[in-house]
Amino acid sequence: MLRTANASSELAAPRTGFDLTLGPGVTGLVGRNGSGKSSLLKFIAGSIGTIDTGDLSVTGPVTGEVSLSGPVSGPARLLDQSPDPALRLCDLFGCTEAWADLKRALAGEATLGTFDAVDWTLEDRMVAQLNRFGLSEMTPERHLGTLSGGQQLRAALAALFFDPPEILLLDEPTNALDTEAREGLAEALKAHRGLALIASHDRALLEEMDRIVSLEPDGSVAVFGGGWSVFHAARETERARLETEAEKAGRALRQHQAQSEEAAARQARRARQGRALRDGSQSKMLLDKAKEGAEGAAGGRLRASARRGESLLAAQTAVLKRIERVTPVAMAFPQISLPASKQVLDLHDAVFAVGGHRIGPITLTITGPQRLALLGPNGAGKSTLLRGIAGEIAPLSGEVHRPVTSARLDQTGGLEGPGSLLDAAQAEHPNLAPSEIRSALAQAGFRGDAALKPAKVLSGGERLRAAIALLGAGSDPAPLLLLDEPTNHLDLDALEALEVGLTGWRGALIVVSHDAHFLRKLDISETFCLKSRHMPVMKAL
């Protein structure tokens, strides 16, 4: 069991402290980019990484206290998403010495420990674990630097679940994983008998959670029993409740303002009547005394009314701010009018290559506002094909015809560099005038000094939102949009905002994604699957 007491994160929304107790099972950890998910996982891993048994309470680099309730079978283990490429697989598995001892014993040499202490099953178990995660051709002595990015992540997952401790910590484990690897991860989690805490925005993976812990935008923490569907329904219910509360607060404020205006009108009428009486037969002394009393009463009512108005306005402002915190920032795509008969792309027996890897020959035609999902396992060449379609690399052979311009967004959204967001945007779009870039960034929420924010500190959602806004800058936005794993670095709110924006996109779309939920939301009409480097298959949905 894992219990965090008064734990808090120094990132994004300030957290005054929270208590969290987790038992065996799989727990999803969600929250906006920068909410502290990764920080919390690293803190837990760093704080309890050397505990073998018993209970412990420590203070770590993140403000607050994290305590672990036993019994604990071993140290917590955090998924290493960026392992050293110089490591061998046996090193990644934490078996360097045991592997060396086994090799000495098999070679008839002296071992470091007793001969009986040699783990004779080690090689078979490591090979079986590698097979389990789709690395059947790998040996324990294979260096990570010789593997593709997707294979390295598979290897890291295999190491994570190899003789696992009671507590496993995973930070966005499905990023860059293909469908087969995601299914393998899901099976491994189901087989784990301890506690797993997973920071993720993968809704298919979150659906399998026993519970979901949400780091809320206001700094609080909420726990939901069940998977994604339960969490999503509860969140939508809360949004609807806040909308109702905001409508009620606005109605009360409008009613008060109407009553105040009516009271002011009555007071004005009485004042006019008083002046008329003074001009008549009433004595000045009596009129002045009546006026003094009336003004005193009226002043009291006005002050009370003003306080009431301020209170109602404050209540409305507070609920509107809460709605703003839980509502995703919109990602607005440019307005495109693409005729259904307009040819957008035509590839005929095209062959592309990057780094010695060839894909093709590929024949593919896009017409009008068609939506195509580009599928295939890691390493099949999907990103290479997108780059070829965008004209970033020339075909080795075959024909490529591009009747319209295209815009490609990679997994990070681009806009990187040492300078500000404005600098990065200008470097990415040198043909746009500074005023056009400023206007586009302002529409995406980066107004004034926000556009001067260092590009390197932008979250995935912020980076993609700015990149999308820049697509519409200028007078001639590209009618063909190429998206390469756009959901990999987005939180759930940003992901939903992207889905809403793409739903209204009226241009052509080619998207690479392993997120089935995301593709369903986009209403994809056809898929183009690169099953291997030489066998593309097109299929209508």
Protein backbone atom coordinates (compact mmCIF):
# COMPACT_ATOMS: atom_id res chain seq x y z
CA MET A 1 0.00 0.00 0.00
CA LEU A 2 1.18 3.50 -0.81
CA ARG A 3 0.07 6.46 1.27
CA THR A 4 1.01 10.05 0.59
CA ALA A 5 0.35 12.45 3.44
CA ASN A 6 0.31 16.19 2.84
CA ALA A 7 2.16 15.66 -0.42
CA SER A 8 2.33 18.57 -2.81
CA SER A 9 3.88 19.62 -6.10
CA GLU A 10 5.82 22.80 -6.78
CA LEU A 11 4.74 22.80 -10.41
CA ALA A 12 1.82 24.68 -12.02
CA ALA A 13 -1.12 25.07 -9.64
CA PRO A 14 0.11 25.41 -6.06
CA ARG A 15 -0.97 22.52 -3.87
CA THR A 16 -1.50 23.17 -0.20
CA GLY A 17 -1.15 19.47 0.57
CA PHE A 18 -3.18 16.31 0.12
CA ASP A 19 -3.57 12.84 1.56
CA LEU A 20 -3.65 9.87 -0.78
CA THR A 21 -3.81 6.19 0.09
CA LEU A 22 -3.50 3.56 -2.63
CA GLY A 23 -3.85 -0.18 -2.26
CA PRO A 24 -3.06 -3.00 -4.70
CA GLY A 25 -4.33 -2.55 -8.21
CA VAL A 26 -3.74 -0.18 -11.10
CA THR A 27 -4.25 3.55 -10.53
CA GLY A 28 -4.29 6.16 -13.26
CA LEU A 29 -2.79 9.58 -12.53
CA VAL A 30 -4.20 12.39 -14.67
CA GLY A 31 -3.87 16.16 -14.80
CA ARG A 32 -2.95 18.96 -17.14
CA ASN A 33 0.61 19.32 -18.41
CA GLY A 34 2.63 20.91 -15.63
CA SER A 35 0.27 19.81 -12.85
CA GLY A 36 3.01 17.77 -11.19
CA LYS A 37 2.34 14.17 -12.31
CA SER A 38 5.93 13.41 -13.30
CA SER A 39 7.26 15.27 -10.27
CA LEU A 40 5.09 13.21 -7.94
CA LEU A 41 6.17 9.91 -9.52
CA LYS A 42 9.84 10.82 -9.37
CA PHE A 43 9.47 11.95 -5.77
CA ILE A 44 7.85 8.67 -4.76
CA ALA A 45 10.51 6.68 -6.63
CA GLY A 46 13.36 8.72 -5.16
CA SER A 47 11.95 8.68 -1.65
CA ILE A 48 11.21 4.98 -1.31
CA GLY A 49 13.57 3.48 -3.83
CA THR A 50 15.78 1.91 -1.16
CA ILE A 51 13.08 0.55 1.14
CA ASP A 52 12.93 -3.21 1.53
CA THR A 53 10.36 -3.69 4.30
CA GLY A 54 8.37 -1.86 6.88
CA ASP A 55 6.98 1.67 7.03
CA LEU A 56 8.76 4.90 6.27
CA SER A 57 7.96 8.60 6.28
CA VAL A 58 10.35 10.97 4.52
CA THR A 59 10.56 14.54 3.30
CA GLY A 60 11.77 14.88 -0.24
CA PRO A 61 12.49 17.45 -2.96
CA VAL A 62 8.79 18.08 -3.49
CA THR A 63 7.28 20.03 -0.63
CA GLY A 64 5.35 17.73 1.68
CA GLU A 65 5.60 14.25 3.09
CA VAL A 66 5.32 10.91 1.37
CA SER A 67 4.88 7.80 3.49
CA LEU A 68 4.82 4.16 2.47
CA SER A 69 2.83 1.56 4.38
CA GLY A 70 4.12 -2.01 4.26
CA PRO A 71 4.68 -4.76 3.97
CA VAL A 72 6.73 -3.91 0.89
CA SER A 73 8.34 -6.70 -1.11
CA GLY A 74 11.06 -4.51 -2.62
CA PRO A 75 11.87 -1.03 -3.88
CA ALA A 76 9.51 0.91 -6.07
CA ARG A 77 10.53 0.92 -9.71
CA LEU A 78 10.02 3.84 -12.14
CA LEU A 79 9.82 3.23 -15.89
CA ASP A 80 12.99 4.53 -17.56
CA GLN A 81 11.83 6.11 -20.82
CA SER A 82 15.30 7.36 -21.81
CA PRO A 83 17.73 4.55 -20.98
CA ASP A 84 21.42 4.97 -21.73
CA PRO A 85 22.02 3.62 -25.28
CA ALA A 86 25.38 2.25 -24.11
CA LEU A 87 23.61 -0.21 -21.79
CA ARG A 88 23.01 -3.82 -22.71
CA LEU A 89 19.60 -5.38 -22.17
CA CYS A 90 20.92 -7.38 -19.22
CA ASP A 91 22.10 -4.11 -17.65
CA LEU A 92 18.68 -2.53 -18.19
CA PHE A 93 17.15 -5.56 -16.46
CA GLY A 94 19.38 -4.92 -13.44
CA CYS A 95 21.17 -8.23 -13.92
CA THR A 96 24.69 -7.12 -14.81
CA GLU A 97 26.49 -9.10 -12.09
CA ALA A 98 24.14 -12.08 -12.19
CA TRP A 99 24.55 -12.30 -15.97
CA ALA A 100 28.33 -12.09 -15.73
CA ASP A 101 28.33 -14.82 -13.07
CA LEU A 102 26.17 -17.05 -15.24
CA LYS A 103 28.49 -16.56 -18.23
CA ARG A 104 31.52 -17.44 -16.06
CA ALA A 105 29.83 -20.58 -14.78
CA LEU A 106 28.87 -21.71 -18.28
CA ALA A 107 32.46 -21.10 -19.41
CA GLY A 108 33.81 -23.15 -16.50
CA GLU A 109 35.42 -20.14 -14.84
CA ALA A 110 35.32 -19.13 -11.18
CA THR A 111 32.19 -17.26 -10.13
CA LEU A 112 31.99 -14.28 -7.79
CA GLY A 113 29.71 -16.13 -5.38
CA THR A 114 29.24 -19.80 -4.66
CA PHE A 115 28.52 -22.08 -7.57
CA ASP A 116 25.10 -22.91 -6.09
CA ALA A 117 24.19 -19.21 -6.06
CA VAL A 118 24.36 -18.90 -9.85
CA ASP A 119 20.96 -18.10 -11.38
CA TRP A 120 20.84 -20.84 -13.99
CA THR A 121 17.37 -19.76 -15.21
CA LEU A 122 18.33 -16.12 -15.75
CA GLU A 123 18.90 -16.29 -19.52
CA ASP A 124 15.70 -18.22 -20.16
CA ARG A 125 13.68 -15.80 -18.04
CA MET A 126 15.15 -12.70 -19.72
CA VAL A 127 14.59 -14.13 -23.20
CA ALA A 128 11.01 -15.05 -22.28
CA GLN A 129 10.44 -11.51 -20.99
CA LEU A 130 11.84 -10.00 -24.18
CA ASN A 131 9.56 -12.26 -26.22
CA ARG A 132 6.63 -11.14 -24.08
CA PHE A 133 7.21 -7.56 -25.18
CA GLY A 134 7.75 -8.28 -28.87
CA LEU A 135 11.57 -8.42 -28.83
CA SER A 136 11.96 -12.06 -29.80
CA GLU A 137 15.11 -11.50 -31.85
CA MET A 138 17.01 -9.76 -29.04
CA THR A 139 19.66 -11.29 -26.81
CA PRO A 140 20.49 -10.14 -23.25
CA GLU A 141 23.81 -8.72 -24.46
CA ARG A 142 22.26 -6.55 -27.19
CA HIS A 143 23.08 -2.84 -26.75
CA LEU A 144 20.14 -0.43 -26.54
CA GLY A 145 21.78 1.95 -29.00
CA THR A 146 21.20 -0.60 -31.78
CA LEU A 147 17.41 -0.57 -31.22
CA SER A 148 14.79 1.79 -32.62
CA GLY A 149 13.03 4.23 -30.32
CA GLY A 150 9.95 2.01 -30.12
CA GLN A 151 12.08 -1.05 -29.41
CA GLN A 152 13.93 0.78 -26.63
CA LEU A 153 10.64 1.62 -24.95
CA ARG A 154 9.53 -2.00 -25.28
CA ALA A 155 12.81 -3.05 -23.66
CA ALA A 156 12.29 -0.56 -20.82
CA LEU A 157 8.82 -1.99 -20.21
CA ALA A 158 10.20 -5.53 -20.26
CA ALA A 159 12.78 -4.51 -17.66
CA LEU A 160 10.14 -2.79 -15.54
CA PHE A 161 8.07 -5.97 -15.25
CA PHE A 162 11.06 -8.33 -14.82
CA ASP A 163 10.93 -9.73 -11.26
CA PRO A 164 8.91 -6.62 -10.38
CA PRO A 165 8.72 -5.08 -6.91
CA GLU A 166 5.38 -4.42 -5.26
CA ILE A 167 5.16 -0.82 -6.50
CA LEU A 168 5.54 0.13 -10.17
CA LEU A 169 5.51 3.75 -11.37
CA LEU A 170 4.94 4.57 -15.05
CA ASP A 171 5.00 8.00 -16.69
CA GLU A 172 3.16 8.15 -20.05
CA PRO A 173 4.15 4.56 -20.92
CA THR A 174 2.22 4.33 -24.21
CA ASN A 175 3.83 7.33 -25.93
CA ALA A 176 5.47 6.06 -29.14
CA LEU A 177 4.10 2.54 -28.61
CA ASP A 178 2.29 0.84 -31.48
CA THR A 179 -0.95 -1.08 -31.00
CA GLU A 180 0.72 -4.44 -30.37
CA ALA A 181 3.02 -3.01 -27.70
CA ARG A 182 0.08 -1.23 -26.00
CA GLU A 183 -1.78 -4.52 -25.79
CA GLY A 184 1.30 -6.16 -24.29
CA LEU A 185 1.53 -3.45 -21.64
CA ALA A 186 -2.14 -3.89 -20.76
CA GLU A 187 -1.64 -7.63 -20.27
CA ALA A 188 1.42 -7.06 -18.09
CA LEU A 189 -0.50 -4.65 -15.87
CA LYS A 190 -3.34 -7.13 -15.46
CA ALA A 191 -0.86 -9.80 -14.37
CA HIS A 192 0.88 -7.52 -11.84
CA ARG A 193 -0.18 -8.42 -8.29
CA GLY A 194 1.11 -5.31 -6.57
CA LEU A 195 0.42 -1.60 -6.98
CA ALA A 196 0.92 0.31 -10.22
CA LEU A 197 0.59 4.11 -10.46
CA ILE A 198 0.45 5.33 -14.06
CA ALA A 199 0.49 8.92 -15.31
CA SER A 200 -1.24 8.80 -18.68
CA HIS A 201 -3.63 10.47 -21.10
CA ASP A 202 -4.22 7.23 -23.04
CA ARG A 203 -7.97 6.75 -22.66
CA ALA A 204 -7.89 3.09 -23.69
CA LEU A 205 -5.31 2.42 -20.98
CA LEU A 206 -7.16 4.56 -18.43
CA GLU A 207 -10.33 2.55 -19.08
CA GLU A 208 -8.55 -0.44 -17.52
CA MET A 209 -7.71 1.39 -14.29
CA ASP A 210 -9.15 0.36 -10.92
CA ARG A 211 -9.24 4.03 -9.94
CA ILE A 212 -8.16 7.41 -11.27
CA VAL A 213 -6.43 10.15 -9.27
CA SER A 214 -6.83 13.60 -10.79
CA LEU A 215 -4.53 16.54 -9.99
CA GLU A 216 -7.10 19.28 -10.48
CA PRO A 217 -6.38 22.72 -12.01
CA ASP A 218 -7.24 24.47 -8.72
CA GLY A 219 -4.57 22.51 -6.84
CA SER A 220 -6.90 19.96 -5.26
CA VAL A 221 -6.83 16.19 -5.73
CA ALA A 222 -9.84 14.03 -6.62
CA VAL A 223 -10.13 10.24 -6.65
CA PHE A 224 -12.60 8.38 -8.90
CA GLY A 225 -13.35 4.68 -8.53
CA GLY A 226 -13.26 3.00 -11.93
CA GLY A 227 -11.72 3.75 -15.29
CA TRP A 228 -11.92 6.46 -17.93
CA SER A 229 -15.68 6.20 -18.51
CA VAL A 230 -16.44 6.79 -14.83
CA PHE A 231 -13.96 9.66 -14.63
CA HIS A 232 -15.22 11.28 -17.83
CA ALA A 233 -18.87 11.05 -16.76
CA ALA A 234 -18.10 12.55 -13.33
CA ARG A 235 -16.11 15.38 -14.89
CA GLU A 236 -18.87 16.20 -17.37
CA THR A 237 -21.41 16.18 -14.55
CA GLU A 238 -19.25 18.64 -12.61
CA ARG A 239 -18.93 20.92 -15.64
CA ALA A 240 -22.70 20.87 -16.12
CA ARG A 241 -23.19 21.68 -12.44
CA LEU A 242 -20.82 24.63 -12.70
CA GLU A 243 -22.61 25.89 -15.81
CA THR A 244 -25.93 25.73 -13.93
CA GLU A 245 -24.36 27.50 -10.97
CA ALA A 246 -22.96 30.20 -13.26
CA GLU A 247 -26.36 30.71 -14.91
CA LYS A 248 -28.02 31.01 -11.49
CA ALA A 249 -25.37 33.49 -10.30
CA GLY A 250 -25.78 35.57 -13.47
CA ARG A 251 -29.56 35.59 -13.13
CA ALA A 252 -29.35 36.73 -9.48
CA LEU A 253 -26.94 39.52 -10.46
CA ARG A 254 -29.21 40.69 -13.30
CA GLN A 255 -32.24 40.69 -11.00
CA HIS A 256 -30.36 42.72 -8.41
CA GLN A 257 -29.22 45.23 -11.03
CA ALA A 258 -32.81 45.60 -12.27
CA GLN A 259 -34.04 46.11 -8.70
CA SER A 260 -31.31 48.66 -8.05
CA GLU A 261 -32.24 50.59 -11.19
CA GLU A 262 -35.91 50.53 -10.16
CA ALA A 263 -35.05 51.76 -6.65
CA ALA A 264 -32.94 54.56 -8.11
CA ALA A 265 -35.86 55.57 -10.34
CA ARG A 266 -38.21 55.65 -7.34
CA GLN A 267 -35.74 57.77 -5.40
CA ALA A 268 -35.51 60.20 -8.30
CA ARG A 269 -39.29 60.49 -8.45
CA ARG A 270 -39.47 61.19 -4.71
CA ALA A 271 -36.79 63.85 -5.07
CA ARG A 272 -38.79 65.56 -7.80
CA GLN A 273 -41.91 65.41 -5.63
CA GLY A 274 -39.99 66.97 -2.74
CA ARG A 275 -38.90 69.87 -4.88
CA ALA A 276 -42.52 70.37 -5.98
CA LEU A 277 -43.71 70.48 -2.37
CA ARG A 278 -41.00 72.94 -1.44
CA ASP A 279 -42.21 75.23 -4.14
CA GLY A 280 -45.75 74.94 -2.66
CA SER A 281 -47.19 75.69 0.78
CA GLN A 282 -45.18 73.36 3.07
CA SER A 283 -42.87 75.05 5.56
CA LYS A 284 -39.14 74.87 4.88
CA MET A 285 -38.37 73.44 8.33
CA LEU A 286 -40.73 70.48 7.93
CA LEU A 287 -39.51 69.80 4.41
CA ASP A 288 -35.85 69.91 5.37
CA LYS A 289 -36.41 67.48 8.26
CA ALA A 290 -38.34 65.08 6.01
CA LYS A 291 -35.62 65.34 3.38
CA GLU A 292 -32.89 64.59 5.91
CA GLY A 293 -34.69 61.46 7.10
CA ALA A 294 -35.43 60.26 3.61
CA GLU A 295 -31.85 60.81 2.45
CA GLY A 296 -30.51 58.92 5.46
CA ALA A 297 -32.80 55.95 4.81
CA ALA A 298 -32.05 56.05 1.10
CA GLY A 299 -28.31 56.19 1.73
CA GLY A 300 -28.53 53.12 3.94
CA ARG A 301 -30.47 51.24 1.30
CA LEU A 302 -28.00 52.25 -1.39
CA ARG A 303 -25.03 51.07 0.66
CA ALA A 304 -26.74 47.76 1.41
CA SER A 305 -27.66 47.36 -2.24
CA ALA A 306 -24.10 48.12 -3.31
CA ARG A 307 -22.73 45.50 -0.89
CA ARG A 308 -25.26 42.98 -2.19
CA GLY A 309 -24.26 43.75 -5.78
CA GLU A 310 -20.56 43.33 -4.98
CA SER A 311 -21.27 39.98 -3.31
CA LEU A 312 -23.30 38.70 -6.27
CA LEU A 313 -20.64 39.85 -8.75
CA ALA A 314 -17.91 38.14 -6.71
CA ALA A 315 -19.93 34.90 -6.66
CA GLN A 316 -20.43 35.02 -10.42
CA THR A 317 -16.76 35.79 -11.04
CA ALA A 318 -15.67 32.90 -8.81
CA VAL A 319 -17.80 30.31 -10.58
CA LEU A 320 -16.77 31.61 -14.01
CA LYS A 321 -13.11 31.23 -13.01
CA ARG A 322 -13.81 27.65 -11.89
CA ILE A 323 -15.44 26.93 -15.25
CA GLU A 324 -12.44 28.44 -17.02
CA ARG A 325 -10.08 26.19 -15.04
CA VAL A 326 -11.90 23.00 -16.00
CA THR A 327 -12.66 23.95 -19.62
CA PRO A 328 -10.03 23.08 -22.26
CA VAL A 329 -8.56 26.00 -24.19
CA ALA A 330 -9.91 25.83 -27.73
CA MET A 331 -7.66 24.89 -30.63
CA ALA A 332 -9.07 26.80 -33.59
CA PHE A 333 -8.08 25.57 -37.04
CA PRO A 334 -8.20 27.89 -40.06
CA GLN A 335 -11.32 28.03 -42.19
CA ILE A 336 -10.83 25.94 -45.33
CA SER A 337 -13.21 25.41 -48.26
CA LEU A 338 -11.97 22.40 -50.22
CA PRO A 339 -14.16 21.14 -53.09
CA ALA A 340 -14.99 17.43 -52.94
CA SER A 341 -13.60 16.89 -56.45
CA LYS A 342 -10.30 18.73 -55.87
CA GLN A 343 -7.26 16.46 -56.12
CA VAL A 344 -5.09 16.97 -53.06
CA LEU A 345 -2.35 14.34 -53.38
CA ASP A 346 -1.26 11.68 -55.87
CA LEU A 347 1.56 9.21 -55.23
CA HIS A 348 2.34 6.54 -57.82
CA ASP A 349 4.90 3.83 -56.94
CA ALA A 350 6.75 6.33 -54.76
CA VAL A 351 9.74 5.08 -52.77
CA PHE A 352 11.23 7.10 -49.90
CA ALA A 353 14.25 6.52 -47.70
CA VAL A 354 15.65 8.01 -44.49
CA GLY A 355 18.78 6.76 -42.77
CA GLY A 356 19.08 3.74 -45.05
CA HIS A 357 15.49 2.59 -44.40
CA ARG A 358 13.29 2.40 -47.50
CA ILE A 359 9.51 2.37 -47.74
CA GLY A 360 7.44 1.72 -50.83
CA PRO A 361 6.58 1.56 -53.60
CA ILE A 362 3.44 3.42 -52.49
CA THR A 363 0.45 4.45 -54.55
CA LEU A 364 -1.97 6.78 -52.77
CA THR A 365 -4.53 9.38 -53.86
CA ILE A 366 -6.35 11.95 -51.70
CA THR A 367 -9.31 13.87 -53.12
CA GLY A 368 -11.29 16.65 -51.46
CA PRO A 369 -11.64 16.85 -47.64
CA GLN A 370 -10.75 13.17 -47.21
CA ARG A 371 -9.61 11.88 -43.79
CA LEU A 372 -6.98 9.16 -43.82
CA ALA A 373 -5.33 7.35 -40.90
CA LEU A 374 -1.79 6.15 -41.58
CA LEU A 375 -1.24 3.01 -39.49
CA GLY A 376 1.48 0.45 -38.95
CA PRO A 377 3.93 -0.89 -36.33
CA ASN A 378 6.85 1.10 -34.96
CA GLY A 379 9.56 1.38 -37.59
CA ALA A 380 7.27 0.76 -40.56
CA GLY A 381 8.04 4.21 -41.98
CA LYS A 382 4.92 6.24 -41.21
CA SER A 383 6.80 9.41 -40.28
CA THR A 384 9.04 8.97 -43.32
CA LEU A 385 5.98 8.79 -45.56
CA LEU A 386 4.54 11.96 -44.02
CA ARG A 387 7.81 13.77 -44.66
CA GLY A 388 7.73 12.57 -48.26
CA ILE A 389 4.16 13.78 -48.69
CA ALA A 390 5.12 17.15 -47.22
CA GLY A 391 7.99 17.46 -49.72
CA GLU A 392 10.67 17.45 -47.02
CA ILE A 393 12.40 14.48 -48.67
CA ALA A 394 12.46 13.62 -52.36
CA PRO A 395 11.36 10.19 -53.63
CA LEU A 396 14.04 7.77 -54.74
CA SER A 397 11.71 6.67 -57.52
CA GLY A 398 8.11 6.96 -58.57
CA GLU A 399 5.93 10.03 -58.92
CA VAL A 400 4.65 12.51 -56.34
CA HIS A 401 2.10 15.11 -57.38
CA ARG A 402 1.02 17.79 -54.87
CA PRO A 403 -1.69 20.05 -56.36
CA VAL A 404 -2.15 21.86 -53.01
CA THR A 405 0.11 22.98 -50.19
CA SER A 406 0.36 21.00 -46.96
CA ALA A 407 1.29 21.68 -43.34
CA ARG A 408 2.93 19.01 -41.17
CA LEU A 409 2.79 18.96 -37.39
CA ASP A 410 5.11 16.51 -35.68
CA GLN A 411 4.76 14.99 -32.22
CA THR A 412 5.98 18.13 -30.45
CA GLY A 413 4.25 20.71 -32.63
CA GLY A 414 7.64 22.25 -33.42
CA LEU A 415 8.26 25.80 -32.17
CA GLU A 416 11.44 24.83 -30.34
CA GLY A 417 14.56 26.85 -29.78
CA PRO A 418 16.50 28.87 -27.22
CA GLY A 419 14.44 32.04 -27.58
CA SER A 420 10.85 33.04 -26.97
CA LEU A 421 7.71 31.58 -28.49
CA LEU A 422 7.61 34.60 -30.78
CA ASP A 423 11.20 33.92 -31.93
CA ALA A 424 10.43 30.24 -32.55
CA ALA A 425 7.28 31.11 -34.49
CA GLN A 426 9.17 33.58 -36.69
CA ALA A 427 11.89 31.00 -37.36
CA GLU A 428 9.29 28.35 -38.21
CA HIS A 429 7.34 30.71 -40.51
CA PRO A 430 9.89 33.11 -42.06
CA ASN A 431 7.44 34.16 -44.79
CA LEU A 432 4.89 35.55 -42.32
CA ALA A 433 4.97 39.16 -41.21
CA PRO A 434 5.57 39.78 -37.47
CA SER A 435 2.10 41.29 -37.20
CA GLU A 436 0.55 38.13 -38.68
CA ILE A 437 2.43 35.95 -36.20
CA ARG A 438 1.46 38.20 -33.28
CA SER A 439 -2.19 38.08 -34.34
CA ALA A 440 -2.18 34.28 -34.69
CA LEU A 441 -0.52 33.76 -31.30
CA ALA A 442 -2.97 36.18 -29.67
CA GLN A 443 -5.89 34.16 -31.05
CA ALA A 444 -4.36 31.08 -29.42
CA GLY A 445 -4.23 32.81 -26.04
CA PHE A 446 -0.63 34.06 -26.21
CA ARG A 447 -1.29 37.79 -25.89
CA GLY A 448 1.21 40.47 -24.98
CA ASP A 449 4.05 39.17 -22.82
CA ALA A 450 2.72 35.60 -23.08
CA ALA A 451 4.18 35.47 -26.62
CA LEU A 452 7.59 36.23 -25.07
CA LYS A 453 7.47 33.12 -22.89
CA PRO A 454 10.56 30.91 -23.45
CA ALA A 455 9.68 28.28 -26.06
CA LYS A 456 11.48 25.53 -24.13
CA VAL A 457 9.11 25.78 -21.14
CA LEU A 458 5.91 25.40 -23.15
CA SER A 459 3.80 22.34 -22.43
CA GLY A 460 2.86 19.95 -25.22
CA GLY A 461 -0.64 21.41 -25.35
CA GLU A 462 0.61 25.00 -25.47
CA ARG A 463 3.11 24.18 -28.21
CA LEU A 464 0.52 22.43 -30.36
CA ARG A 465 -2.08 25.16 -29.78
CA ALA A 466 0.35 27.82 -30.98
CA ALA A 467 1.42 25.72 -33.97
CA ILE A 468 -2.21 25.17 -35.00
CA ALA A 469 -2.97 28.89 -34.73
CA LEU A 470 -0.02 29.65 -36.99
CA LEU A 471 -1.48 27.33 -39.64
CA GLY A 472 -4.16 29.94 -40.22
CA ALA A 473 -1.80 32.91 -40.30
CA GLY A 474 -1.45 34.64 -43.61
CA SER A 475 -3.89 34.75 -46.48
CA ASP A 476 -3.52 31.21 -47.88
CA PRO A 477 -3.66 28.41 -45.27
CA ALA A 478 -2.70 24.91 -46.44
CA PRO A 479 -5.69 22.68 -47.32
CA LEU A 480 -3.83 19.43 -46.45
CA LEU A 481 -2.96 18.81 -42.80
CA LEU A 482 -0.41 16.12 -41.84
CA LEU A 483 -0.40 15.08 -38.18
CA ASP A 484 2.33 12.81 -36.79
CA GLU A 485 1.28 11.31 -33.42
CA PRO A 486 -0.22 14.63 -32.28
CA THR A 487 -1.62 13.23 -29.01
CA ASN A 488 1.66 11.92 -27.57
CA HIS A 489 2.47 14.94 -25.40
CA LEU A 490 -1.01 16.30 -24.73
CA ASP A 491 -2.94 16.16 -21.49
CA LEU A 492 -6.56 15.04 -21.57
CA ASP A 493 -7.98 18.57 -21.76
CA ALA A 494 -5.68 19.55 -24.63
CA LEU A 495 -6.43 16.27 -26.39
CA GLU A 496 -10.18 16.92 -26.24
CA ALA A 497 -9.64 20.48 -27.48
CA LEU A 498 -7.66 19.07 -30.42
CA GLU A 499 -10.47 16.64 -31.22
CA VAL A 500 -13.04 19.45 -31.19
CA GLY A 501 -10.86 21.61 -33.43
CA LEU A 502 -10.24 18.81 -35.93
CA THR A 503 -13.92 17.91 -36.02
CA GLY A 504 -14.56 21.35 -37.52
CA TRP A 505 -11.62 21.18 -39.94
CA ARG A 506 -12.89 21.23 -43.53
CA GLY A 507 -9.63 20.46 -45.30
CA ALA A 508 -7.96 17.12 -46.05
CA LEU A 509 -6.29 15.23 -43.24
CA ILE A 510 -3.67 12.49 -42.95
CA VAL A 511 -2.93 11.44 -39.38
CA VAL A 512 -0.51 8.98 -37.81
CA SER A 513 -1.81 7.70 -34.48
CA HIS A 514 -2.11 4.54 -32.40
CA ASP A 515 -4.89 6.11 -30.32
CA ALA A 516 -8.05 4.31 -31.48
CA HIS A 517 -10.29 6.60 -29.41
CA PHE A 518 -8.76 9.66 -31.07
CA LEU A 519 -9.22 8.23 -34.56
CA ARG A 520 -12.87 7.41 -33.88
CA LYS A 521 -13.47 10.99 -32.77
CA LEU A 522 -12.02 12.27 -36.06
CA ASP A 523 -14.45 10.23 -38.14
CA ILE A 524 -11.66 8.73 -40.27
CA SER A 525 -12.99 7.44 -43.60
CA GLU A 526 -10.03 5.29 -44.70
CA THR A 527 -6.85 3.75 -43.34
CA PHE A 528 -3.52 3.20 -45.07
CA CYS A 529 -1.51 0.54 -43.25
CA LEU A 530 2.24 0.09 -43.67
CA LYS A 531 2.40 -3.52 -42.55
CA SER A 532 6.02 -3.71 -43.62
CA ARG A 533 8.42 -1.58 -45.61
CA HIS A 534 7.20 -3.12 -48.84
CA MET A 535 3.54 -3.97 -48.26
CA PRO A 536 1.27 -0.92 -47.88
CA VAL A 537 -2.42 -1.80 -47.64
CA MET A 538 -5.28 0.68 -48.08
CA LYS A 539 -8.63 -0.02 -46.48
CA ALA A 540 -11.92 1.85 -46.37
CA LEU A 541 -13.60 2.03 -42.98
